């Protein structure tokens, strides 16, 4: 079973970002982390994805964008992505 392609856009100071990263780590899901506080370009990218808003964490899972997902939503999307691989 292949791992899904996961990117987490967030901030080290954001508790929701830390929650999402902890959840992915606990599930042994590999992901790329991009700190939006370190890049104005990432903030513009997120605004484009989120209808002009900066919502963090934004998690890109294969071709699906999740905006500050609850753990249950993230788990369902991961399960779906893993079953498709």
PDB file of N, CA and C in Angstrom:
ATOM      1  N   UNK A   1       0.840  -1.171   0.000  1.00  0.00           N
ATOM      2  CA  UNK A   1       0.000   0.000   0.000  1.00  0.00           C
ATOM      3  C   UNK A   1       0.891   1.242   0.000  1.00  0.00           C
ATOM      4  N   UNK A   2       0.679   2.140  -0.954  1.00  0.00           N
ATOM      5  CA  UNK A   2       1.464   3.364  -1.043  1.00  0.00           C
ATOM      6  C   UNK A   2       0.983   4.417  -0.062  1.00  0.00           C
ATOM      7  N   UNK A   3       1.925   5.188   0.424  1.00  0.00           N
ATOM      8  CA  UNK A   3       1.587   6.320   1.283  1.00  0.00           C
ATOM      9  C   UNK A   3       0.982   7.426   0.415  1.00  0.00           C
ATOM     10  N   UNK A   4      -0.020   8.129   0.933  1.00  0.00           N
ATOM     11  CA  UNK A   4      -0.556   9.263   0.182  1.00  0.00           C
ATOM     12  C   UNK A   4       0.446  10.418   0.180  1.00  0.00           C
ATOM     13  N   UNK A   5       0.296  11.306  -0.774  1.00  0.00           N
ATOM     14  CA  UNK A   5       1.108  12.507  -0.843  1.00  0.00           C
ATOM     15  C   UNK A   5       0.454  13.555   0.055  1.00  0.00           C
ATOM     16  N   UNK A   6       1.126  13.900   1.154  1.00  0.00           N
ATOM     17  CA  UNK A   6       0.539  14.800   2.149  1.00  0.00           C
ATOM     18  C   UNK A   6       1.475  15.981   2.396  1.00  0.00           C
ATOM     19  N   UNK A   7       0.904  17.183   2.328  1.00  0.00           N
ATOM     20  CA  UNK A   7       1.631  18.396   2.691  1.00  0.00           C
ATOM     21  C   UNK A   7       0.800  19.145   3.714  1.00  0.00           C
ATOM     22  N   UNK A   8       1.450  19.545   4.801  1.00  0.00           N
ATOM     23  CA  UNK A   8       0.796  20.328   5.851  1.00  0.00           C
ATOM     24  C   UNK A   8       1.326  21.750   5.776  1.00  0.00           C
ATOM     25  N   UNK A   9       0.422  22.694   5.559  1.00  0.00           N
ATOM     26  CA  UNK A   9       0.758  24.116   5.584  1.00  0.00           C
ATOM     27  C   UNK A   9       0.257  24.649   6.912  1.00  0.00           C
ATOM     28  N   UNK A  10       1.166  25.185   7.707  1.00  0.00           N
ATOM     29  CA  UNK A  10       0.750  25.657   9.011  1.00  0.00           C
ATOM     30  C   UNK A  10       1.784  26.552   9.648  1.00  0.00           C
ATOM     31  N   UNK A  11       1.641  26.743  10.930  1.00  0.00           N
ATOM     32  CA  UNK A  11       2.527  27.594  11.709  1.00  0.00           C
ATOM     33  C   UNK A  11       2.933  26.853  12.979  1.00  0.00           C
ATOM     34  N   UNK A  12       4.191  26.975  13.341  1.00  0.00           N
ATOM     35  CA  UNK A  12       4.679  26.330  14.559  1.00  0.00           C
ATOM     36  C   UNK A  12       3.955  26.864  15.793  1.00  0.00           C
ATOM     37  N   UNK A  13       3.434  28.081  15.709  1.00  0.00           N
ATOM     38  CA  UNK A  13       2.748  28.691  16.851  1.00  0.00           C
ATOM     39  C   UNK A  13       1.265  28.338  16.916  1.00  0.00           C
ATOM     40  N   UNK A  14       0.769  27.605  15.929  1.00  0.00           N
ATOM     41  CA  UNK A  14      -0.665  27.298  15.853  1.00  0.00           C
ATOM     42  C   UNK A  14      -0.966  25.945  16.498  1.00  0.00           C
ATOM     43  N   UNK A  15      -1.802  25.916  17.552  1.00  0.00           N
ATOM     44  CA  UNK A  15      -2.134  24.647  18.196  1.00  0.00           C
ATOM     45  C   UNK A  15      -2.835  23.661  17.252  1.00  0.00           C
ATOM     46  N   UNK A  16      -3.633  24.160  16.314  1.00  0.00           N
ATOM     47  CA  UNK A  16      -4.313  23.264  15.380  1.00  0.00           C
ATOM     48  C   UNK A  16      -3.315  22.604  14.424  1.00  0.00           C
ATOM     49  N   UNK A  17      -2.294  23.349  14.039  1.00  0.00           N
ATOM     50  CA  UNK A  17      -1.233  22.764  13.212  1.00  0.00           C
ATOM     51  C   UNK A  17      -0.521  21.668  13.983  1.00  0.00           C
ATOM     52  N   UNK A  18      -0.202  21.932  15.240  1.00  0.00           N
ATOM     53  CA  UNK A  18       0.488  20.934  16.069  1.00  0.00           C
ATOM     54  C   UNK A  18      -0.385  19.697  16.259  1.00  0.00           C
ATOM     55  N   UNK A  19      -1.691  19.886  16.437  1.00  0.00           N
ATOM     56  CA  UNK A  19      -2.627  18.761  16.588  1.00  0.00           C
ATOM     57  C   UNK A  19      -2.628  17.895  15.335  1.00  0.00           C
ATOM     58  N   UNK A  20      -2.709  18.530  14.174  1.00  0.00           N
ATOM     59  CA  UNK A  20      -2.736  17.779  12.913  1.00  0.00           C
ATOM     60  C   UNK A  20      -1.428  17.028  12.690  1.00  0.00           C
ATOM     61  N   UNK A  21      -0.315  17.683  12.962  1.00  0.00           N
ATOM     62  CA  UNK A  21       0.990  17.024  12.777  1.00  0.00           C
ATOM     63  C   UNK A  21       1.144  15.846  13.741  1.00  0.00           C
ATOM     64  N   UNK A  22       0.705  16.014  14.974  1.00  0.00           N
ATOM     65  CA  UNK A  22       0.780  14.929  15.956  1.00  0.00           C
ATOM     66  C   UNK A  22      -0.063  13.742  15.493  1.00  0.00           C
ATOM     67  N   UNK A  23      -1.254  14.022  14.970  1.00  0.00           N
ATOM     68  CA  UNK A  23      -2.123  12.960  14.478  1.00  0.00           C
ATOM     69  C   UNK A  23      -1.452  12.196  13.336  1.00  0.00           C
ATOM     70  N   UNK A  24      -0.892  12.918  12.368  1.00  0.00           N
ATOM     71  CA  UNK A  24      -0.213  12.260  11.247  1.00  0.00           C
ATOM     72  C   UNK A  24       0.981  11.446  11.727  1.00  0.00           C
ATOM     73  N   UNK A  25       1.744  11.994  12.660  1.00  0.00           N
ATOM     74  CA  UNK A  25       2.887  11.257  13.219  1.00  0.00           C
ATOM     75  C   UNK A  25       2.419   9.976  13.911  1.00  0.00           C
ATOM     76  N   UNK A  26       1.344  10.070  14.674  1.00  0.00           N
ATOM     77  CA  UNK A  26       0.831   8.903  15.402  1.00  0.00           C
ATOM     78  C   UNK A  26       0.340   7.811  14.455  1.00  0.00           C
ATOM     79  N   UNK A  27      -0.105   8.221  13.263  1.00  0.00           N
ATOM     80  CA  UNK A  27      -0.584   7.246  12.264  1.00  0.00           C
ATOM     81  C   UNK A  27       0.538   6.783  11.331  1.00  0.00           C
ATOM     82  N   UNK A  28       1.755   7.253  11.584  1.00  0.00           N
ATOM     83  CA  UNK A  28       2.933   6.920  10.760  1.00  0.00           C
ATOM     84  C   UNK A  28       2.730   7.322   9.302  1.00  0.00           C
ATOM     85  N   UNK A  29       2.109   8.485   9.111  1.00  0.00           N
ATOM     86  CA  UNK A  29       1.903   9.030   7.773  1.00  0.00           C
ATOM     87  C   UNK A  29       3.021  10.040   7.504  1.00  0.00           C
ATOM     88  N   UNK A  30       3.782   9.784   6.448  1.00  0.00           N
ATOM     89  CA  UNK A  30       4.837  10.719   6.059  1.00  0.00           C
ATOM     90  C   UNK A  30       4.191  11.954   5.428  1.00  0.00           C
ATOM     91  N   UNK A  31       4.741  13.115   5.732  1.00  0.00           N
ATOM     92  CA  UNK A  31       4.205  14.352   5.168  1.00  0.00           C
ATOM     93  C   UNK A  31       5.309  15.392   5.071  1.00  0.00           C
ATOM     94  N   UNK A  32       5.077  16.348   4.188  1.00  0.00           N
ATOM     95  CA  UNK A  32       5.968  17.492   4.077  1.00  0.00           C
ATOM     96  C   UNK A  32       5.325  18.629   4.860  1.00  0.00           C
ATOM     97  N   UNK A  33       6.124  19.339   5.646  1.00  0.00           N
ATOM     98  CA  UNK A  33       5.605  20.454   6.432  1.00  0.00           C
ATOM     99  C   UNK A  33       6.149  21.758   5.874  1.00  0.00           C
ATOM    100  N   UNK A  34       5.252  22.709   5.669  1.00  0.00           N
ATOM    101  CA  UNK A  34       5.647  24.033   5.191  1.00  0.00           C
ATOM    102  C   UNK A  34       5.107  25.069   6.160  1.00  0.00           C
ATOM    103  N   UNK A  35       6.028  25.816   6.775  1.00  0.00           N
ATOM    104  CA  UNK A  35       5.666  26.839   7.756  1.00  0.00           C
ATOM    105  C   UNK A  35       5.349  28.137   7.021  1.00  0.00           C
ATOM    106  N   UNK A  36       4.089  28.552   7.091  1.00  0.00           N
ATOM    107  CA  UNK A  36       3.653  29.741   6.358  1.00  0.00           C
ATOM    108  C   UNK A  36       4.244  31.029   6.933  1.00  0.00           C
ATOM    109  N   UNK A  37       4.713  30.977   8.174  1.00  0.00           N
ATOM    110  CA  UNK A  37       5.320  32.160   8.775  1.00  0.00           C
ATOM    111  C   UNK A  37       6.680  32.465   8.158  1.00  0.00           C
ATOM    112  N   UNK A  38       7.244  31.499   7.478  1.00  0.00           N
ATOM    113  CA  UNK A  38       8.570  31.674   6.886  1.00  0.00           C
ATOM    114  C   UNK A  38       8.523  32.088   5.420  1.00  0.00           C
ATOM    115  N   UNK A  39       7.328  32.195   4.840  1.00  0.00           N
ATOM    116  CA  UNK A  39       7.248  32.468   3.413  1.00  0.00           C
ATOM    117  C   UNK A  39       5.992  33.246   3.035  1.00  0.00           C
ATOM    118  N   UNK A  40       6.155  34.503   2.598  1.00  0.00           N
ATOM    119  CA  UNK A  40       4.990  35.257   2.117  1.00  0.00           C
ATOM    120  C   UNK A  40       4.325  34.573   0.916  1.00  0.00           C
ATOM    121  N   UNK A  41       5.113  33.882   0.100  1.00  0.00           N
ATOM    122  CA  UNK A  41       4.556  33.188  -1.060  1.00  0.00           C
ATOM    123  C   UNK A  41       3.573  32.105  -0.633  1.00  0.00           C
ATOM    124  N   UNK A  42       3.870  31.407   0.452  1.00  0.00           N
ATOM    125  CA  UNK A  42       2.946  30.379   0.945  1.00  0.00           C
ATOM    126  C   UNK A  42       1.632  30.990   1.414  1.00  0.00           C
ATOM    127  N   UNK A  43       1.692  32.168   2.006  1.00  0.00           N
ATOM    128  CA  UNK A  43       0.462  32.834   2.432  1.00  0.00           C
ATOM    129  C   UNK A  43      -0.410  33.180   1.231  1.00  0.00           C
ATOM    130  N   UNK A  44       0.191  33.618   0.147  1.00  0.00           N
ATOM    131  CA  UNK A  44      -0.566  33.913  -1.075  1.00  0.00           C
ATOM    132  C   UNK A  44      -1.146  32.627  -1.662  1.00  0.00           C
ATOM    133  N   UNK A  45      -0.358  31.564  -1.632  1.00  0.00           N
ATOM    134  CA  UNK A  45      -0.828  30.274  -2.137  1.00  0.00           C
ATOM    135  C   UNK A  45      -2.043  29.805  -1.334  1.00  0.00           C
ATOM    136  N   UNK A  46      -1.947  29.877  -0.006  1.00  0.00           N
ATOM    137  CA  UNK A  46      -3.067  29.464   0.852  1.00  0.00           C
ATOM    138  C   UNK A  46      -4.295  30.325   0.619  1.00  0.00           C
ATOM    139  N   UNK A  47      -4.097  31.617   0.452  1.00  0.00           N
ATOM    140  CA  UNK A  47      -5.227  32.505   0.189  1.00  0.00           C
ATOM    141  C   UNK A  47      -5.932  32.094  -1.097  1.00  0.00           C
ATOM    142  N   UNK A  48      -5.173  31.662  -2.085  1.00  0.00           N
ATOM    143  CA  UNK A  48      -5.763  31.189  -3.329  1.00  0.00           C
ATOM    144  C   UNK A  48      -6.576  29.923  -3.139  1.00  0.00           C
ATOM    145  N   UNK A  49      -6.105  29.027  -2.295  1.00  0.00           N
ATOM    146  CA  UNK A  49      -6.828  27.786  -2.024  1.00  0.00           C
ATOM    147  C   UNK A  49      -8.071  28.004  -1.176  1.00  0.00           C
ATOM    148  N   UNK A  50      -7.996  28.985  -0.285  1.00  0.00           N
ATOM    149  CA  UNK A  50      -9.031  29.186   0.735  1.00  0.00           C
ATOM    150  C   UNK A  50      -9.941  30.376   0.466  1.00  0.00           C
ATOM    151  N   UNK A  51     -10.131  30.730  -0.781  1.00  0.00           N
ATOM    152  CA  UNK A  51     -11.037  31.835  -1.083  1.00  0.00           C
ATOM    153  C   UNK A  51     -10.604  33.159  -0.487  1.00  0.00           C
ATOM    154  N   UNK A  52      -9.302  33.409  -0.475  1.00  0.00           N
ATOM    155  CA  UNK A  52      -8.775  34.665   0.039  1.00  0.00           C
ATOM    156  C   UNK A  52      -8.443  34.663   1.517  1.00  0.00           C
ATOM    157  N   UNK A  53      -8.714  33.561   2.205  1.00  0.00           N
ATOM    158  CA  UNK A  53      -8.450  33.479   3.647  1.00  0.00           C
ATOM    159  C   UNK A  53      -7.197  32.649   3.914  1.00  0.00           C
ATOM    160  N   UNK A  54      -6.554  32.941   5.019  1.00  0.00           N
ATOM    161  CA  UNK A  54      -5.399  32.168   5.476  1.00  0.00           C
ATOM    162  C   UNK A  54      -5.884  31.204   6.550  1.00  0.00           C
ATOM    163  N   UNK A  55      -6.230  29.996   6.156  1.00  0.00           N
ATOM    164  CA  UNK A  55      -6.721  28.990   7.091  1.00  0.00           C
ATOM    165  C   UNK A  55      -5.600  27.987   7.328  1.00  0.00           C
ATOM    166  N   UNK A  56      -5.203  27.850   8.595  1.00  0.00           N
ATOM    167  CA  UNK A  56      -4.173  26.855   8.918  1.00  0.00           C
ATOM    168  C   UNK A  56      -4.667  25.985  10.066  1.00  0.00           C
ATOM    169  N   UNK A  57      -4.297  24.743  10.047  1.00  0.00           N
ATOM    170  CA  UNK A  57      -3.539  24.118   8.976  1.00  0.00           C
ATOM    171  C   UNK A  57      -4.412  23.857   7.750  1.00  0.00           C
ATOM    172  N   UNK A  58      -3.792  23.973   6.611  1.00  0.00           N
ATOM    173  CA  UNK A  58      -4.370  23.474   5.375  1.00  0.00           C
ATOM    174  C   UNK A  58      -3.559  22.243   5.026  1.00  0.00           C
ATOM    175  N   UNK A  59      -4.249  21.146   4.818  1.00  0.00           N
ATOM    176  CA  UNK A  59      -3.575  19.884   4.516  1.00  0.00           C
ATOM    177  C   UNK A  59      -3.955  19.465   3.106  1.00  0.00           C
ATOM    178  N   UNK A  60      -2.940  19.306   2.279  1.00  0.00           N
ATOM    179  CA  UNK A  60      -3.150  18.834   0.911  1.00  0.00           C
ATOM    180  C   UNK A  60      -2.872  17.343   0.921  1.00  0.00           C
ATOM    181  N   UNK A  61      -3.907  16.573   0.639  1.00  0.00           N
ATOM    182  CA  UNK A  61      -3.835  15.113   0.671  1.00  0.00           C
ATOM    183  C   UNK A  61      -4.137  14.619  -0.736  1.00  0.00           C
ATOM    184  N   UNK A  62      -3.087  14.209  -1.437  1.00  0.00           N
ATOM    185  CA  UNK A  62      -3.184  13.900  -2.868  1.00  0.00           C
ATOM    186  C   UNK A  62      -3.738  15.146  -3.563  1.00  0.00           C
ATOM    187  N   UNK A  63      -4.933  15.121  -4.076  1.00  0.00           N
ATOM    188  CA  UNK A  63      -5.508  16.286  -4.763  1.00  0.00           C
ATOM    189  C   UNK A  63      -6.655  16.919  -3.984  1.00  0.00           C
ATOM    190  N   UNK A  64      -6.731  16.643  -2.695  1.00  0.00           N
ATOM    191  CA  UNK A  64      -7.812  17.161  -1.852  1.00  0.00           C
ATOM    192  C   UNK A  64      -7.220  18.155  -0.857  1.00  0.00           C
ATOM    193  N   UNK A  65      -7.882  19.294  -0.694  1.00  0.00           N
ATOM    194  CA  UNK A  65      -7.471  20.281   0.302  1.00  0.00           C
ATOM    195  C   UNK A  65      -8.399  20.186   1.508  1.00  0.00           C
ATOM    196  N   UNK A  66      -7.797  20.065   2.680  1.00  0.00           N
ATOM    197  CA  UNK A  66      -8.555  20.024   3.934  1.00  0.00           C
ATOM    198  C   UNK A  66      -8.185  21.269   4.731  1.00  0.00           C
ATOM    199  N   UNK A  67      -9.183  22.010   5.156  1.00  0.00           N
ATOM    200  CA  UNK A  67      -8.954  23.263   5.845  1.00  0.00           C
ATOM    201  C   UNK A  67      -9.249  23.100   7.335  1.00  0.00           C
ATOM    202  N   UNK A  68      -8.185  23.092   8.132  1.00  0.00           N
ATOM    203  CA  UNK A  68      -8.273  22.886   9.579  1.00  0.00           C
ATOM    204  C   UNK A  68      -9.189  21.707   9.911  1.00  0.00           C
ATOM    205  N   UNK A  69      -8.866  20.536   9.375  1.00  0.00           N
ATOM    206  CA  UNK A  69      -9.757  19.388   9.573  1.00  0.00           C
ATOM    207  C   UNK A  69      -9.709  18.856  11.004  1.00  0.00           C
ATOM    208  N   UNK A  70     -10.848  18.372  11.455  1.00  0.00           N
ATOM    209  CA  UNK A  70     -10.892  17.620  12.708  1.00  0.00           C
ATOM    210  C   UNK A  70     -10.191  16.286  12.463  1.00  0.00           C
ATOM    211  N   UNK A  71      -9.741  15.647  13.516  1.00  0.00           N
ATOM    212  CA  UNK A  71      -9.042  14.366  13.361  1.00  0.00           C
ATOM    213  C   UNK A  71      -9.895  13.333  12.642  1.00  0.00           C
ATOM    214  N   UNK A  72     -11.198  13.323  12.911  1.00  0.00           N
ATOM    215  CA  UNK A  72     -12.086  12.353  12.264  1.00  0.00           C
ATOM    216  C   UNK A  72     -12.134  12.587  10.753  1.00  0.00           C
ATOM    217  N   UNK A  73     -12.230  13.833  10.329  1.00  0.00           N
ATOM    218  CA  UNK A  73     -12.243  14.143   8.896  1.00  0.00           C
ATOM    219  C   UNK A  73     -10.919  13.742   8.247  1.00  0.00           C
ATOM    220  N   UNK A  74      -9.829  14.057   8.917  1.00  0.00           N
ATOM    221  CA  UNK A  74      -8.512  13.692   8.395  1.00  0.00           C
ATOM    222  C   UNK A  74      -8.366  12.182   8.300  1.00  0.00           C
ATOM    223  N   UNK A  75      -8.828  11.464   9.316  1.00  0.00           N
ATOM    224  CA  UNK A  75      -8.751  10.000   9.307  1.00  0.00           C
ATOM    225  C   UNK A  75      -9.555   9.412   8.149  1.00  0.00           C
ATOM    226  N   UNK A  76     -10.746   9.943   7.895  1.00  0.00           N
ATOM    227  CA  UNK A  76     -11.573   9.446   6.795  1.00  0.00           C
ATOM    228  C   UNK A  76     -10.911   9.694   5.439  1.00  0.00           C
ATOM    229  N   UNK A  77     -10.331  10.864   5.271  1.00  0.00           N
ATOM    230  CA  UNK A  77      -9.653  11.173   4.006  1.00  0.00           C
ATOM    231  C   UNK A  77      -8.415  10.299   3.828  1.00  0.00           C
ATOM    232  N   UNK A  78      -7.685  10.057   4.905  1.00  0.00           N
ATOM    233  CA  UNK A  78      -6.509   9.185   4.832  1.00  0.00           C
ATOM    234  C   UNK A  78      -6.922   7.749   4.469  1.00  0.00           C
ATOM    235  N   UNK A  79      -7.976   7.279   5.107  1.00  0.00           N
ATOM    236  CA  UNK A  79      -8.463   5.918   4.823  1.00  0.00           C
ATOM    237  C   UNK A  79      -8.852   5.791   3.353  1.00  0.00           C
ATOM    238  N   UNK A  80      -9.544   6.792   2.851  1.00  0.00           N
ATOM    239  CA  UNK A  80      -9.946   6.790   1.446  1.00  0.00           C
ATOM    240  C   UNK A  80      -8.717   6.827   0.541  1.00  0.00           C
ATOM    241  N   UNK A  81      -7.750   7.659   0.845  1.00  0.00           N
ATOM    242  CA  UNK A  81      -6.539   7.761   0.028  1.00  0.00           C
ATOM    243  C   UNK A  81      -5.743   6.470   0.060  1.00  0.00           C
ATOM    244  N   UNK A  82      -5.670   5.842   1.213  1.00  0.00           N
ATOM    245  CA  UNK A  82      -4.914   4.584   1.324  1.00  0.00           C
ATOM    246  C   UNK A  82      -5.606   3.442   0.595  1.00  0.00           C
ATOM    247  N   UNK A  83      -6.926   3.450   0.581  1.00  0.00           N
ATOM    248  CA  UNK A  83      -7.643   2.367  -0.096  1.00  0.00           C
ATOM    249  C   UNK A  83      -7.561   2.502  -1.618  1.00  0.00           C
ATOM    250  N   UNK A  84      -7.293   3.710  -2.104  1.00  0.00           N
ATOM    251  CA  UNK A  84      -7.169   3.936  -3.540  1.00  0.00           C
ATOM    252  C   UNK A  84      -5.777   3.622  -4.062  1.00  0.00           C
ATOM    253  N   UNK A  85      -4.784   3.527  -3.156  1.00  0.00           N
ATOM    254  CA  UNK A  85      -3.423   3.294  -3.628  1.00  0.00           C
ATOM    255  C   UNK A  85      -3.121   1.858  -3.877  1.00  0.00           C
TER     256      UNK A  85
END
